[in-house]
Amino acid sequence: SKIPDSLKTSVVMVQMIFLFAILAVMTIVLMEANTVLARDCLSGTFGGPCWAWSGEKCRRLCIEEGHVSGHCSGAMKCWCEGC
């Protein structure tokens, strides 16, 4: 008994969709885990706007506050990493 090509194609499509769904769920879980581990918070000691050239000062102050590092955001605020 020969299996019709249309049935073979349908089975392959279902397998591909299932694989894609599993990969999507795994990606979401991993991204959420990284987000939980890498919380950012505003620096408590940085004053004024955080310009691109202020990045080293922002990073240094965040480390002094006990955080992993720091960076200036597009909104010109100093964000500490690993809060």
PDB file of N, CA and C in Angstrom:
ATOM      1  N   SER A   1       0.847  -1.178   0.000  1.00  0.00           N
ATOM      2  CA  SER A   1       0.000   0.000   0.000  1.00  0.00           C
ATOM      3  C   SER A   1       0.892   1.240   0.000  1.00  0.00           C
ATOM      4  N   LYS A   2       0.677   2.043  -0.986  1.00  0.00           N
ATOM      5  CA  LYS A   2       1.480   3.251  -1.145  1.00  0.00           C
ATOM      6  C   LYS A   2       0.802   4.422  -0.434  1.00  0.00           C
ATOM      7  N   ILE A   3       1.613   5.200   0.318  1.00  0.00           N
ATOM      8  CA  ILE A   3       1.090   6.375   1.025  1.00  0.00           C
ATOM      9  C   ILE A   3       1.063   7.540   0.044  1.00  0.00           C
ATOM     10  N   PRO A   4      -0.077   8.223  -0.056  1.00  0.00           N
ATOM     11  CA  PRO A   4      -0.180   9.348  -0.995  1.00  0.00           C
ATOM     12  C   PRO A   4       0.805  10.462  -0.632  1.00  0.00           C
ATOM     13  N   ASP A   5       1.306  11.143  -1.656  1.00  0.00           N
ATOM     14  CA  ASP A   5       2.256  12.241  -1.449  1.00  0.00           C
ATOM     15  C   ASP A   5       1.656  13.371  -0.616  1.00  0.00           C
ATOM     16  N   SER A   6       0.367  13.611  -0.776  1.00  0.00           N
ATOM     17  CA  SER A   6      -0.271  14.692  -0.019  1.00  0.00           C
ATOM     18  C   SER A   6      -0.244  14.399   1.477  1.00  0.00           C
ATOM     19  N   LEU A   7      -0.375  13.124   1.859  1.00  0.00           N
ATOM     20  CA  LEU A   7      -0.321  12.758   3.271  1.00  0.00           C
ATOM     21  C   LEU A   7       1.098  12.915   3.808  1.00  0.00           C
ATOM     22  N   LYS A   8       2.094  12.525   3.009  1.00  0.00           N
ATOM     23  CA  LYS A   8       3.491  12.693   3.413  1.00  0.00           C
ATOM     24  C   LYS A   8       3.804  14.170   3.640  1.00  0.00           C
ATOM     25  N   THR A   9       3.334  15.002   2.731  1.00  0.00           N
ATOM     26  CA  THR A   9       3.558  16.443   2.840  1.00  0.00           C
ATOM     27  C   THR A   9       2.906  16.994   4.101  1.00  0.00           C
ATOM     28  N   SER A  10       1.702  16.537   4.407  1.00  0.00           N
ATOM     29  CA  SER A  10       0.995  17.004   5.604  1.00  0.00           C
ATOM     30  C   SER A  10       1.744  16.612   6.873  1.00  0.00           C
ATOM     31  N   VAL A  11       2.264  15.392   6.909  1.00  0.00           N
ATOM     32  CA  VAL A  11       3.007  14.928   8.081  1.00  0.00           C
ATOM     33  C   VAL A  11       4.270  15.763   8.271  1.00  0.00           C
ATOM     34  N   VAL A  12       4.976  16.040   7.191  1.00  0.00           N
ATOM     35  CA  VAL A  12       6.190  16.851   7.267  1.00  0.00           C
ATOM     36  C   VAL A  12       5.857  18.259   7.749  1.00  0.00           C
ATOM     37  N   MET A  13       4.761  18.823   7.267  1.00  0.00           N
ATOM     38  CA  MET A  13       4.357  20.171   7.692  1.00  0.00           C
ATOM     39  C   MET A  13       4.044  20.201   9.190  1.00  0.00           C
ATOM     40  N   VAL A  14       3.338  19.192   9.679  1.00  0.00           N
ATOM     41  CA  VAL A  14       3.008  19.130  11.105  1.00  0.00           C
ATOM     42  C   VAL A  14       4.287  19.011  11.930  1.00  0.00           C
ATOM     43  N   GLN A  15       5.233  18.209  11.473  1.00  0.00           N
ATOM     44  CA  GLN A  15       6.499  18.071  12.185  1.00  0.00           C
ATOM     45  C   GLN A  15       7.264  19.391  12.218  1.00  0.00           C
ATOM     46  N   MET A  16       7.261  20.114  11.120  1.00  0.00           N
ATOM     47  CA  MET A  16       7.961  21.402  11.069  1.00  0.00           C
ATOM     48  C   MET A  16       7.304  22.420  12.000  1.00  0.00           C
ATOM     49  N   ILE A  17       5.983  22.448  12.017  1.00  0.00           N
ATOM     50  CA  ILE A  17       5.268  23.377  12.894  1.00  0.00           C
ATOM     51  C   ILE A  17       5.551  23.040  14.355  1.00  0.00           C
ATOM     52  N   PHE A  18       5.544  21.756  14.683  1.00  0.00           N
ATOM     53  CA  PHE A  18       5.832  21.323  16.051  1.00  0.00           C
ATOM     54  C   PHE A  18       7.248  21.729  16.457  1.00  0.00           C
ATOM     55  N   LEU A  19       8.211  21.519  15.582  1.00  0.00           N
ATOM     56  CA  LEU A  19       9.596  21.895  15.863  1.00  0.00           C
ATOM     57  C   LEU A  19       9.715  23.405  16.067  1.00  0.00           C
ATOM     58  N   PHE A  20       9.062  24.170  15.209  1.00  0.00           N
ATOM     59  CA  PHE A  20       9.087  25.627  15.335  1.00  0.00           C
ATOM     60  C   PHE A  20       8.477  26.062  16.668  1.00  0.00           C
ATOM     61  N   ALA A  21       7.372  25.440  17.054  1.00  0.00           N
ATOM     62  CA  ALA A  21       6.713  25.799  18.315  1.00  0.00           C
ATOM     63  C   ALA A  21       7.622  25.504  19.506  1.00  0.00           C
ATOM     64  N   ILE A  22       8.289  24.357  19.487  1.00  0.00           N
ATOM     65  CA  ILE A  22       9.206  23.998  20.574  1.00  0.00           C
ATOM     66  C   ILE A  22      10.356  25.009  20.652  1.00  0.00           C
ATOM     67  N   LEU A  23      10.928  25.359  19.502  1.00  0.00           N
ATOM     68  CA  LEU A  23      12.028  26.332  19.483  1.00  0.00           C
ATOM     69  C   LEU A  23      11.566  27.700  19.985  1.00  0.00           C
ATOM     70  N   ALA A  24      10.356  28.107  19.605  1.00  0.00           N
ATOM     71  CA  ALA A  24       9.832  29.398  20.048  1.00  0.00           C
ATOM     72  C   ALA A  24       9.656  29.416  21.565  1.00  0.00           C
ATOM     73  N   VAL A  25       9.109  28.350  22.119  1.00  0.00           N
ATOM     74  CA  VAL A  25       8.908  28.274  23.572  1.00  0.00           C
ATOM     75  C   VAL A  25      10.253  28.290  24.295  1.00  0.00           C
ATOM     76  N   MET A  26      11.223  27.535  23.792  1.00  0.00           N
ATOM     77  CA  MET A  26      12.549  27.509  24.422  1.00  0.00           C
ATOM     78  C   MET A  26      13.198  28.888  24.382  1.00  0.00           C
ATOM     79  N   THR A  27      13.061  29.596  23.266  1.00  0.00           N
ATOM     80  CA  THR A  27      13.630  30.937  23.136  1.00  0.00           C
ATOM     81  C   THR A  27      13.007  31.890  24.149  1.00  0.00           C
ATOM     82  N   ILE A  28      11.696  31.837  24.291  1.00  0.00           N
ATOM     83  CA  ILE A  28      11.005  32.712  25.241  1.00  0.00           C
ATOM     84  C   ILE A  28      11.450  32.409  26.668  1.00  0.00           C
ATOM     85  N   VAL A  29      11.561  31.136  27.011  1.00  0.00           N
ATOM     86  CA  VAL A  29      11.985  30.749  28.362  1.00  0.00           C
ATOM     87  C   VAL A  29      13.397  31.249  28.646  1.00  0.00           C
ATOM     88  N   LEU A  30      14.313  31.080  27.686  1.00  0.00           N
ATOM     89  CA  LEU A  30      15.693  31.529  27.885  1.00  0.00           C
ATOM     90  C   LEU A  30      15.782  33.046  27.988  1.00  0.00           C
ATOM     91  N   MET A  31      15.011  33.756  27.166  1.00  0.00           N
ATOM     92  CA  MET A  31      15.032  35.218  27.228  1.00  0.00           C
ATOM     93  C   MET A  31      14.497  35.705  28.570  1.00  0.00           C
ATOM     94  N   GLU A  32      13.450  35.072  29.065  1.00  0.00           N
ATOM     95  CA  GLU A  32      12.880  35.465  30.349  1.00  0.00           C
ATOM     96  C   GLU A  32      13.868  35.191  31.477  1.00  0.00           C
ATOM     97  N   ALA A  33      14.579  34.076  31.401  1.00  0.00           N
ATOM     98  CA  ALA A  33      15.577  33.753  32.427  1.00  0.00           C
ATOM     99  C   ALA A  33      16.682  34.799  32.440  1.00  0.00           C
ATOM    100  N   ASN A  34      17.139  35.217  31.257  1.00  0.00           N
ATOM    101  CA  ASN A  34      18.180  36.246  31.184  1.00  0.00           C
ATOM    102  C   ASN A  34      17.674  37.576  31.708  1.00  0.00           C
ATOM    103  N   THR A  35      16.417  37.903  31.443  1.00  0.00           N
ATOM    104  CA  THR A  35      15.845  39.157  31.909  1.00  0.00           C
ATOM    105  C   THR A  35      15.780  39.179  33.429  1.00  0.00           C
ATOM    106  N   VAL A  36      15.412  38.055  34.022  1.00  0.00           N
ATOM    107  CA  VAL A  36      15.326  37.986  35.479  1.00  0.00           C
ATOM    108  C   VAL A  36      16.702  38.159  36.099  1.00  0.00           C
ATOM    109  N   LEU A  37      17.724  37.591  35.476  1.00  0.00           N
ATOM    110  CA  LEU A  37      19.072  37.671  36.023  1.00  0.00           C
ATOM    111  C   LEU A  37      19.696  39.047  35.829  1.00  0.00           C
ATOM    112  N   ALA A  38      19.307  39.749  34.792  1.00  0.00           N
ATOM    113  CA  ALA A  38      19.982  40.999  34.427  1.00  0.00           C
ATOM    114  C   ALA A  38      19.058  42.199  34.599  1.00  0.00           C
ATOM    115  N   ARG A  39      18.611  42.452  35.806  1.00  0.00           N
ATOM    116  CA  ARG A  39      17.762  43.611  36.062  1.00  0.00           C
ATOM    117  C   ARG A  39      18.621  44.874  36.103  1.00  0.00           C
ATOM    118  N   ASP A  40      18.092  45.944  35.549  1.00  0.00           N
ATOM    119  CA  ASP A  40      18.767  47.236  35.584  1.00  0.00           C
ATOM    120  C   ASP A  40      17.997  48.171  36.515  1.00  0.00           C
ATOM    121  N   CYS A  41      18.706  49.121  37.109  1.00  0.00           N
ATOM    122  CA  CYS A  41      18.072  50.131  37.954  1.00  0.00           C
ATOM    123  C   CYS A  41      18.820  51.452  37.763  1.00  0.00           C
ATOM    124  N   LEU A  42      18.148  52.541  38.049  1.00  0.00           N
ATOM    125  CA  LEU A  42      18.783  53.851  37.929  1.00  0.00           C
ATOM    126  C   LEU A  42      19.861  54.016  38.996  1.00  0.00           C
ATOM    127  N   SER A  43      20.937  54.684  38.623  1.00  0.00           N
ATOM    128  CA  SER A  43      22.017  54.964  39.572  1.00  0.00           C
ATOM    129  C   SER A  43      21.511  55.924  40.643  1.00  0.00           C
ATOM    130  N   GLY A  44      21.920  55.667  41.862  1.00  0.00           N
ATOM    131  CA  GLY A  44      21.531  56.544  42.957  1.00  0.00           C
ATOM    132  C   GLY A  44      22.481  57.710  43.154  1.00  0.00           C
ATOM    133  N   THR A  45      23.656  57.663  42.515  1.00  0.00           N
ATOM    134  CA  THR A  45      24.657  58.711  42.743  1.00  0.00           C
ATOM    135  C   THR A  45      24.963  59.549  41.508  1.00  0.00           C
ATOM    136  N   PHE A  46      24.603  59.079  40.314  1.00  0.00           N
ATOM    137  CA  PHE A  46      24.913  59.837  39.097  1.00  0.00           C
ATOM    138  C   PHE A  46      23.984  61.039  39.021  1.00  0.00           C
ATOM    139  N   GLY A  47      24.555  62.236  38.821  1.00  0.00           N
ATOM    140  CA  GLY A  47      23.752  63.447  38.733  1.00  0.00           C
ATOM    141  C   GLY A  47      23.817  64.063  37.349  1.00  0.00           C
ATOM    142  N   GLY A  48      22.721  64.633  36.894  1.00  0.00           N
ATOM    143  CA  GLY A  48      22.684  65.289  35.593  1.00  0.00           C
ATOM    144  C   GLY A  48      22.446  64.312  34.458  1.00  0.00           C
ATOM    145  N   PRO A  49      22.472  64.850  33.228  1.00  0.00           N
ATOM    146  CA  PRO A  49      22.240  63.979  32.069  1.00  0.00           C
ATOM    147  C   PRO A  49      23.431  63.051  31.819  1.00  0.00           C
ATOM    148  N   CYS A  50      23.143  61.850  31.385  1.00  0.00           N
ATOM    149  CA  CYS A  50      24.183  60.854  31.107  1.00  0.00           C
ATOM    150  C   CYS A  50      24.414  60.825  29.594  1.00  0.00           C
ATOM    151  N   TRP A  51      25.379  61.593  29.137  1.00  0.00           N
ATOM    152  CA  TRP A  51      25.709  61.663  27.717  1.00  0.00           C
ATOM    153  C   TRP A  51      26.563  60.458  27.315  1.00  0.00           C
ATOM    154  N   ALA A  52      26.733  60.258  26.037  1.00  0.00           N
ATOM    155  CA  ALA A  52      27.534  59.135  25.540  1.00  0.00           C
ATOM    156  C   ALA A  52      28.949  59.183  26.109  1.00  0.00           C
ATOM    157  N   TRP A  53      29.522  60.383  26.241  1.00  0.00           N
ATOM    158  CA  TRP A  53      30.892  60.508  26.761  1.00  0.00           C
ATOM    159  C   TRP A  53      30.941  60.403  28.295  1.00  0.00           C
ATOM    160  N   SER A  54      29.772  60.276  28.940  1.00  0.00           N
ATOM    161  CA  SER A  54      29.723  60.089  30.397  1.00  0.00           C
ATOM    162  C   SER A  54      29.692  58.612  30.773  1.00  0.00           C
ATOM    163  N   GLY A  55      29.782  57.743  29.791  1.00  0.00           N
ATOM    164  CA  GLY A  55      29.624  56.309  30.023  1.00  0.00           C
ATOM    165  C   GLY A  55      30.585  55.741  31.047  1.00  0.00           C
ATOM    166  N   GLU A  56      31.837  56.181  31.006  1.00  0.00           N
ATOM    167  CA  GLU A  56      32.832  55.651  31.949  1.00  0.00           C
ATOM    168  C   GLU A  56      32.508  56.078  33.375  1.00  0.00           C
ATOM    169  N   LYS A  57      32.067  57.326  33.552  1.00  0.00           N
ATOM    170  CA  LYS A  57      31.683  57.805  34.885  1.00  0.00           C
ATOM    171  C   LYS A  57      30.473  57.024  35.395  1.00  0.00           C
ATOM    172  N   CYS A  58      29.502  56.811  34.528  1.00  0.00           N
ATOM    173  CA  CYS A  58      28.306  56.046  34.893  1.00  0.00           C
ATOM    174  C   CYS A  58      28.697  54.631  35.318  1.00  0.00           C
ATOM    175  N   ARG A  59      29.530  53.991  34.517  1.00  0.00           N
ATOM    176  CA  ARG A  59      29.980  52.626  34.813  1.00  0.00           C
ATOM    177  C   ARG A  59      30.714  52.573  36.164  1.00  0.00           C
ATOM    178  N   ARG A  60      31.614  53.541  36.391  1.00  0.00           N
ATOM    179  CA  ARG A  60      32.402  53.578  37.629  1.00  0.00           C
ATOM    180  C   ARG A  60      31.503  53.771  38.852  1.00  0.00           C
ATOM    181  N   LEU A  61      30.558  54.711  38.763  1.00  0.00           N
ATOM    182  CA  LEU A  61      29.665  54.962  39.893  1.00  0.00           C
ATOM    183  C   LEU A  61      28.789  53.750  40.195  1.00  0.00           C
ATOM    184  N   CYS A  62      28.326  53.081  39.152  1.00  0.00           N
ATOM    185  CA  CYS A  62      27.495  51.892  39.371  1.00  0.00           C
ATOM    186  C   CYS A  62      28.295  50.788  40.058  1.00  0.00           C
ATOM    187  N   ILE A  63      29.541  50.618  39.650  1.00  0.00           N
ATOM    188  CA  ILE A  63      30.395  49.608  40.291  1.00  0.00           C
ATOM    189  C   ILE A  63      30.631  49.984  41.752  1.00  0.00           C
ATOM    190  N   GLU A  64      30.842  51.287  42.017  1.00  0.00           N
ATOM    191  CA  GLU A  64      31.022  51.743  43.401  1.00  0.00           C
ATOM    192  C   GLU A  64      29.761  51.518  44.231  1.00  0.00           C
ATOM    193  N   GLU A  65      28.592  51.555  43.580  1.00  0.00           N
ATOM    194  CA  GLU A  65      27.323  51.295  44.271  1.00  0.00           C
ATOM    195  C   GLU A  65      27.119  49.802  44.524  1.00  0.00           C
ATOM    196  N   GLY A  66      28.000  48.974  43.965  1.00  0.00           N
ATOM    197  CA  GLY A  66      27.902  47.539  44.193  1.00  0.00           C
ATOM    198  C   GLY A  66      27.246  46.761  43.071  1.00  0.00           C
ATOM    199  N   HIS A  67      27.061  47.416  41.920  1.00  0.00           N
ATOM    200  CA  HIS A  67      26.440  46.742  40.781  1.00  0.00           C
ATOM    201  C   HIS A  67      27.519  46.215  39.839  1.00  0.00           C
ATOM    202  N   VAL A  68      27.092  45.441  38.851  1.00  0.00           N
ATOM    203  CA  VAL A  68      28.036  44.818  37.920  1.00  0.00           C
ATOM    204  C   VAL A  68      28.685  45.855  37.009  1.00  0.00           C
ATOM    205  N   SER A  69      27.884  46.740  36.441  1.00  0.00           N
ATOM    206  CA  SER A  69      28.373  47.755  35.507  1.00  0.00           C
ATOM    207  C   SER A  69      27.295  48.814  35.357  1.00  0.00           C
ATOM    208  N   GLY A  70      27.465  49.704  34.382  1.00  0.00           N
ATOM    209  CA  GLY A  70      26.474  50.734  34.120  1.00  0.00           C
ATOM    210  C   GLY A  70      26.601  51.270  32.713  1.00  0.00           C
ATOM    211  N   HIS A  71      25.532  51.892  32.220  1.00  0.00           N
ATOM    212  CA  HIS A  71      25.549  52.463  30.874  1.00  0.00           C
ATOM    213  C   HIS A  71      24.559  53.620  30.797  1.00  0.00           C
ATOM    214  N   CYS A  72      24.811  54.526  29.851  1.00  0.00           N
ATOM    215  CA  CYS A  72      23.907  55.644  29.604  1.00  0.00           C
ATOM    216  C   CYS A  72      22.820  55.193  28.634  1.00  0.00           C
ATOM    217  N   SER A  73      21.586  55.583  28.914  1.00  0.00           N
ATOM    218  CA  SER A  73      20.474  55.223  28.036  1.00  0.00           C
ATOM    219  C   SER A  73      20.199  56.345  27.046  1.00  0.00           C
ATOM    220  N   GLY A  74      19.335  56.072  26.089  1.00  0.00           N
ATOM    221  CA  GLY A  74      18.930  57.083  25.119  1.00  0.00           C
ATOM    222  C   GLY A  74      18.202  58.243  25.773  1.00  0.00           C
ATOM    223  N   ALA A  75      17.624  58.007  26.951  1.00  0.00           N
ATOM    224  CA  ALA A  75      16.923  59.055  27.694  1.00  0.00           C
ATOM    225  C   ALA A  75      17.883  59.832  28.592  1.00  0.00           C
ATOM    226  N   MET A  76      19.199  59.627  28.384  1.00  0.00           N
ATOM    227  CA  MET A  76      20.259  60.320  29.114  1.00  0.00           C
ATOM    228  C   MET A  76      20.204  60.062  30.616  1.00  0.00           C
ATOM    229  N   LYS A  77      19.934  58.822  30.983  1.00  0.00           N
ATOM    230  CA  LYS A  77      19.942  58.411  32.383  1.00  0.00           C
ATOM    231  C   LYS A  77      20.999  57.331  32.562  1.00  0.00           C
ATOM    232  N   CYS A  78      21.588  57.276  33.741  1.00  0.00           N
ATOM    233  CA  CYS A  78      22.608  56.277  34.053  1.00  0.00           C
ATOM    234  C   CYS A  78      21.924  55.054  34.660  1.00  0.00           C
ATOM    235  N   TRP A  79      21.999  53.939  33.952  1.00  0.00           N
ATOM    236  CA  TRP A  79      21.391  52.689  34.404  1.00  0.00           C
ATOM    237  C   TRP A  79      22.472  51.738  34.880  1.00  0.00           C
ATOM    238  N   CYS A  80      22.299  51.204  36.082  1.00  0.00           N
ATOM    239  CA  CYS A  80      23.228  50.210  36.623  1.00  0.00           C
ATOM    240  C   CYS A  80      22.711  48.817  36.274  1.00  0.00           C
ATOM    241  N   GLU A  81      23.648  47.915  36.001  1.00  0.00           N
ATOM    242  CA  GLU A  81      23.296  46.552  35.604  1.00  0.00           C
ATOM    243  C   GLU A  81      23.498  45.598  36.769  1.00  0.00           C
ATOM    244  N   GLY A  82      22.647  44.593  36.834  1.00  0.00           N
ATOM    245  CA  GLY A  82      22.770  43.565  37.865  1.00  0.00           C
ATOM    246  C   GLY A  82      22.239  44.008  39.210  1.00  0.00           C
ATOM    247  N   CYS A  83      21.091  44.651  39.224  1.00  0.00           N
ATOM    248  CA  CYS A  83      20.498  45.135  40.486  1.00  0.00           C
ATOM    249  C   CYS A  83      19.715  44.033  41.187  1.00  0.00           C
TER     250      CYS A  83
END
